[in-house]
Amino acid sequence: MIWLMIAGMCLVTFVPRALPLVLGRNLVLPRWIRRWLSFFPYAALGSLIFPGILTVVEGRPWIGLAAGGCAALLALKARNAIFPVLVAIAVAVGLQLATGS
């Protein structure tokens, strides 16, 4: 019974992803739709990251906001993707130590 359940979950996960790939292979979208769809990865990434930023330190969302803000500013200028992450970690840890928790 468990294998049937796992197979069902695989099917309902795979079909919605594969169907657009198979059916839309030769579909040519207008330029404005392609441009509009190009923003979806950034919106999805933001919606995944932002709640985590607010809950870095429970009861003190400003620490996560400060670290996230530093990372966002550095990401605009830095060529290396790891540098803003390391700075954000340092800012969060530094603020936690400075506030005594």
C-alpha atoms as a PDB file:
ATOM      1  CA  MET A   1       0.000   0.000   0.000  1.00  0.00           C
ATOM      2  CA  ILE A   2       2.836   2.408   0.830  1.00  0.00           C
ATOM      3  CA  TRP A   3       4.447   1.858  -2.599  1.00  0.00           C
ATOM      4  CA  LEU A   4       1.167   2.687  -4.281  1.00  0.00           C
ATOM      5  CA  MET A   5       0.980   5.891  -2.292  1.00  0.00           C
ATOM      6  CA  ILE A   6       4.559   6.831  -3.210  1.00  0.00           C
ATOM      7  CA  ALA A   7       3.866   6.091  -6.886  1.00  0.00           C
ATOM      8  CA  GLY A   8       0.743   8.278  -6.743  1.00  0.00           C
ATOM      9  CA  MET A   9       2.684  11.155  -5.202  1.00  0.00           C
ATOM     10  CA  CYS A  10       5.360  10.812  -7.894  1.00  0.00           C
ATOM     11  CA  LEU A  11       2.701  10.904 -10.584  1.00  0.00           C
ATOM     12  CA  VAL A  12       0.893  13.984  -9.281  1.00  0.00           C
ATOM     13  CA  THR A  13       4.243  15.754  -8.937  1.00  0.00           C
ATOM     14  CA  PHE A  14       5.614  14.738 -12.326  1.00  0.00           C
ATOM     15  CA  VAL A  15       2.564  15.269 -14.555  1.00  0.00           C
ATOM     16  CA  PRO A  16       2.039  19.020 -13.894  1.00  0.00           C
ATOM     17  CA  ARG A  17       5.739  19.626 -14.570  1.00  0.00           C
ATOM     18  CA  ALA A  18       6.042  17.451 -17.658  1.00  0.00           C
ATOM     19  CA  LEU A  19       2.800  18.457 -19.372  1.00  0.00           C
ATOM     20  CA  PRO A  20       3.805  22.070 -20.152  1.00  0.00           C
ATOM     21  CA  LEU A  21       7.217  20.853 -21.285  1.00  0.00           C
ATOM     22  CA  VAL A  22       5.720  18.345 -23.722  1.00  0.00           C
ATOM     23  CA  LEU A  23       2.722  20.352 -24.929  1.00  0.00           C
ATOM     24  CA  GLY A  24       4.428  23.746 -25.051  1.00  0.00           C
ATOM     25  CA  ARG A  25       7.548  22.682 -26.882  1.00  0.00           C
ATOM     26  CA  ASN A  26       6.640  24.531 -30.095  1.00  0.00           C
ATOM     27  CA  LEU A  27       4.665  27.307 -28.444  1.00  0.00           C
ATOM     28  CA  VAL A  28       5.948  30.801 -29.260  1.00  0.00           C
ATOM     29  CA  LEU A  29       4.939  33.355 -26.653  1.00  0.00           C
ATOM     30  CA  PRO A  30       4.667  37.072 -27.341  1.00  0.00           C
ATOM     31  CA  ARG A  31       7.630  39.162 -26.228  1.00  0.00           C
ATOM     32  CA  TRP A  32       5.715  40.917 -23.418  1.00  0.00           C
ATOM     33  CA  ILE A  33       4.711  37.566 -21.882  1.00  0.00           C
ATOM     34  CA  ARG A  34       8.294  36.252 -22.038  1.00  0.00           C
ATOM     35  CA  ARG A  35       9.481  39.459 -20.358  1.00  0.00           C
ATOM     36  CA  TRP A  36       6.777  39.175 -17.700  1.00  0.00           C
ATOM     37  CA  LEU A  37       7.659  35.530 -17.026  1.00  0.00           C
ATOM     38  CA  SER A  38      11.345  36.382 -16.697  1.00  0.00           C
ATOM     39  CA  PHE A  39      10.615  38.077 -13.355  1.00  0.00           C
ATOM     40  CA  PHE A  40       9.123  34.972 -11.738  1.00  0.00           C
ATOM     41  CA  PRO A  41      12.422  33.453 -10.498  1.00  0.00           C
ATOM     42  CA  TYR A  42      13.219  36.654  -8.577  1.00  0.00           C
ATOM     43  CA  ALA A  43       9.747  36.832  -7.062  1.00  0.00           C
ATOM     44  CA  ALA A  44       9.863  33.173  -6.044  1.00  0.00           C
ATOM     45  CA  LEU A  45      13.307  33.562  -4.522  1.00  0.00           C
ATOM     46  CA  GLY A  46      12.180  36.632  -2.583  1.00  0.00           C
ATOM     47  CA  SER A  47       9.107  34.866  -1.235  1.00  0.00           C
ATOM     48  CA  LEU A  48      11.263  31.978  -0.031  1.00  0.00           C
ATOM     49  CA  ILE A  49      14.005  34.089   1.534  1.00  0.00           C
ATOM     50  CA  PHE A  50      12.090  36.954   3.170  1.00  0.00           C
ATOM     51  CA  PRO A  51      10.236  34.932   5.854  1.00  0.00           C
ATOM     52  CA  GLY A  52      13.564  33.401   6.864  1.00  0.00           C
ATOM     53  CA  ILE A  53      15.123  36.841   7.162  1.00  0.00           C
ATOM     54  CA  LEU A  54      12.405  37.916   9.596  1.00  0.00           C
ATOM     55  CA  THR A  55      12.863  34.831  11.780  1.00  0.00           C
ATOM     56  CA  VAL A  56      16.672  34.651  11.998  1.00  0.00           C
ATOM     57  CA  VAL A  57      16.517  35.694  15.651  1.00  0.00           C
ATOM     58  CA  GLU A  58      13.163  35.093  17.260  1.00  0.00           C
ATOM     59  CA  GLY A  59      11.657  38.279  18.632  1.00  0.00           C
ATOM     60  CA  ARG A  60      14.186  40.497  16.848  1.00  0.00           C
ATOM     61  CA  PRO A  61      13.386  40.709  13.151  1.00  0.00           C
ATOM     62  CA  TRP A  62      15.511  43.833  12.774  1.00  0.00           C
ATOM     63  CA  ILE A  63      18.689  41.715  12.988  1.00  0.00           C
ATOM     64  CA  GLY A  64      17.621  39.677   9.967  1.00  0.00           C
ATOM     65  CA  LEU A  65      16.488  42.787   8.129  1.00  0.00           C
ATOM     66  CA  ALA A  66      19.858  44.465   8.729  1.00  0.00           C
ATOM     67  CA  ALA A  67      21.770  41.390   7.569  1.00  0.00           C
ATOM     68  CA  GLY A  68      19.474  40.936   4.563  1.00  0.00           C
ATOM     69  CA  GLY A  69      19.805  44.600   3.664  1.00  0.00           C
ATOM     70  CA  CYS A  70      23.597  44.382   3.768  1.00  0.00           C
ATOM     71  CA  ALA A  71      23.491  41.271   1.593  1.00  0.00           C
ATOM     72  CA  ALA A  72      21.135  42.932  -0.900  1.00  0.00           C
ATOM     73  CA  LEU A  73      23.339  46.015  -1.205  1.00  0.00           C
ATOM     74  CA  LEU A  74      26.487  43.967  -1.613  1.00  0.00           C
ATOM     75  CA  ALA A  75      24.830  41.663  -4.135  1.00  0.00           C
ATOM     76  CA  LEU A  76      24.318  44.654  -6.416  1.00  0.00           C
ATOM     77  CA  LYS A  77      28.059  45.327  -6.550  1.00  0.00           C
ATOM     78  CA  ALA A  78      29.794  42.038  -5.737  1.00  0.00           C
ATOM     79  CA  ARG A  79      30.861  39.709  -8.509  1.00  0.00           C
ATOM     80  CA  ASN A  80      31.122  36.766  -6.158  1.00  0.00           C
ATOM     81  CA  ALA A  81      27.834  35.290  -4.874  1.00  0.00           C
ATOM     82  CA  ILE A  82      29.298  33.984  -1.617  1.00  0.00           C
ATOM     83  CA  PHE A  83      30.608  37.375  -0.409  1.00  0.00           C
ATOM     84  CA  PRO A  84      27.164  38.913   0.367  1.00  0.00           C
ATOM     85  CA  VAL A  85      26.150  35.709   2.154  1.00  0.00           C
ATOM     86  CA  LEU A  86      29.243  35.736   4.348  1.00  0.00           C
ATOM     87  CA  VAL A  87      28.800  39.434   5.150  1.00  0.00           C
ATOM     88  CA  ALA A  88      25.137  38.853   6.049  1.00  0.00           C
ATOM     89  CA  ILE A  89      26.133  36.046   8.413  1.00  0.00           C
ATOM     90  CA  ALA A  90      28.793  38.258   9.990  1.00  0.00           C
ATOM     91  CA  VAL A  91      26.320  41.124  10.433  1.00  0.00           C
ATOM     92  CA  ALA A  92      23.704  38.838  12.011  1.00  0.00           C
ATOM     93  CA  VAL A  93      26.216  37.256  14.386  1.00  0.00           C
ATOM     94  CA  GLY A  94      27.754  40.626  15.217  1.00  0.00           C
ATOM     95  CA  LEU A  95      24.394  42.173  16.016  1.00  0.00           C
ATOM     96  CA  GLN A  96      23.448  39.183  18.156  1.00  0.00           C
ATOM     97  CA  LEU A  97      26.677  39.451  20.118  1.00  0.00           C
ATOM     98  CA  ALA A  98      26.357  43.232  20.432  1.00  0.00           C
ATOM     99  CA  THR A  99      22.826  42.962  21.828  1.00  0.00           C
ATOM    100  CA  GLY A 100      23.776  40.206  24.258  1.00  0.00           C
ATOM    101  CA  SER A 101      22.000  37.112  23.043  1.00  0.00           C
END
